[in-house]
Amino acid sequence: MLNCGDLIFSTPRQYFGSVFMKNVSDPTHVRTIVEDVLRRLKEIKSIKDDLRQLEKEYEFGRISKEKYKELKKKYEKQLRTMS
């Protein structure tokens, strides 16, 4: 009603505890921003993992140099657009 409230972000897995934000103005908007940042960080991590896997595949000779360059360029472009 007053567009003010508390936010609690739990931190499972890597860290223990929670982040508590008290008397936040427009808590729904703040929550949306935090969730978007977390989603983007997961996507960036996934792309970096794909890039590492690609490098391994190339090192083991499972893909050609041309295919490696093509896919590496694609992943690097995805990373640039995420920043």
Protein backbone atom coordinates (compact mmCIF):
# COMPACT_ATOMS: atom_id res chain seq x y z
CA MET A 1 0.00 0.00 0.00
CA LEU A 2 2.81 2.43 0.84
CA ASN A 3 5.12 0.77 -1.70
CA CYS A 4 7.67 0.13 1.02
CA GLY A 5 8.66 -3.17 2.52
CA ASP A 6 11.32 -5.64 3.56
CA LEU A 7 13.25 -8.01 1.31
CA ILE A 8 14.99 -11.21 2.33
CA PHE A 9 17.34 -13.00 -0.04
CA SER A 10 18.32 -16.47 1.08
CA THR A 11 21.74 -17.73 0.03
CA PRO A 12 21.64 -21.49 -0.48
CA ARG A 13 24.61 -23.64 -1.48
CA GLN A 14 27.78 -21.56 -1.48
CA TYR A 15 27.07 -19.21 1.39
CA PHE A 16 25.13 -19.49 4.58
CA GLY A 17 22.61 -17.00 5.82
CA SER A 18 20.43 -14.38 4.25
CA VAL A 19 20.55 -10.78 3.16
CA PHE A 20 17.87 -8.72 4.86
CA MET A 21 16.88 -5.32 3.48
CA LYS A 22 14.55 -3.35 5.69
CA ASN A 23 12.17 -0.55 4.65
CA VAL A 24 12.98 -0.75 0.94
CA SER A 25 11.23 1.69 -1.33
CA ASP A 26 9.50 -0.19 -4.17
CA PRO A 27 10.58 -3.67 -3.02
CA THR A 28 9.04 -5.40 -6.04
CA HIS A 29 11.20 -3.37 -8.41
CA VAL A 30 14.35 -3.98 -6.32
CA ARG A 31 13.62 -7.73 -6.26
CA THR A 32 13.19 -7.72 -10.05
CA ILE A 33 16.55 -5.98 -10.49
CA VAL A 34 18.35 -8.44 -8.20
CA GLU A 35 16.77 -11.45 -9.91
CA ASP A 36 17.76 -10.07 -13.33
CA VAL A 37 21.37 -9.61 -12.24
CA LEU A 38 21.49 -13.14 -10.84
CA ARG A 39 19.99 -14.56 -14.04
CA ARG A 40 22.56 -12.73 -16.16
CA LEU A 41 25.42 -13.96 -13.97
CA LYS A 42 24.21 -17.55 -14.45
CA GLU A 43 24.05 -17.03 -18.21
CA ILE A 44 27.57 -15.59 -18.27
CA LYS A 45 28.87 -18.52 -16.25
CA SER A 46 27.19 -20.95 -18.63
CA ILE A 47 28.74 -19.27 -21.68
CA LYS A 48 32.19 -19.30 -20.05
CA ASP A 49 31.75 -23.00 -19.26
CA ASP A 50 30.82 -23.64 -22.90
CA LEU A 51 33.91 -21.73 -24.02
CA ARG A 52 36.17 -23.79 -21.72
CA GLN A 53 34.61 -26.99 -23.05
CA LEU A 54 35.15 -25.80 -26.61
CA GLU A 55 38.83 -25.17 -25.87
CA LYS A 56 39.18 -28.70 -24.48
CA GLU A 57 37.50 -30.18 -27.54
CA TYR A 58 39.91 -28.28 -29.78
CA GLU A 59 42.96 -29.28 -27.71
CA PHE A 60 41.95 -32.94 -27.97
CA GLY A 61 41.54 -32.62 -31.73
CA ARG A 62 37.83 -33.34 -31.71
CA ILE A 63 36.92 -30.25 -33.73
CA SER A 64 38.66 -28.45 -36.58
CA LYS A 65 40.43 -25.13 -36.23
CA GLU A 66 37.79 -23.45 -38.38
CA LYS A 67 34.92 -24.76 -36.25
CA TYR A 68 36.81 -23.77 -33.10
CA LYS A 69 37.30 -20.21 -34.34
CA GLU A 70 33.67 -19.95 -35.43
CA LEU A 71 32.27 -21.14 -32.11
CA LYS A 72 34.76 -19.15 -30.05
CA LYS A 73 33.75 -16.00 -31.90
CA LYS A 74 30.08 -16.80 -31.24
CA TYR A 75 30.65 -17.32 -27.49
CA GLU A 76 32.76 -14.18 -27.18
CA LYS A 77 30.04 -12.18 -28.93
CA GLN A 78 27.47 -13.56 -26.49
CA LEU A 79 29.69 -12.50 -23.57
CA ARG A 80 30.05 -8.98 -24.97
CA THR A 81 26.30 -8.60 -25.32
CA MET A 82 25.82 -9.75 -21.71
CA SER A 83 28.12 -7.03 -20.33
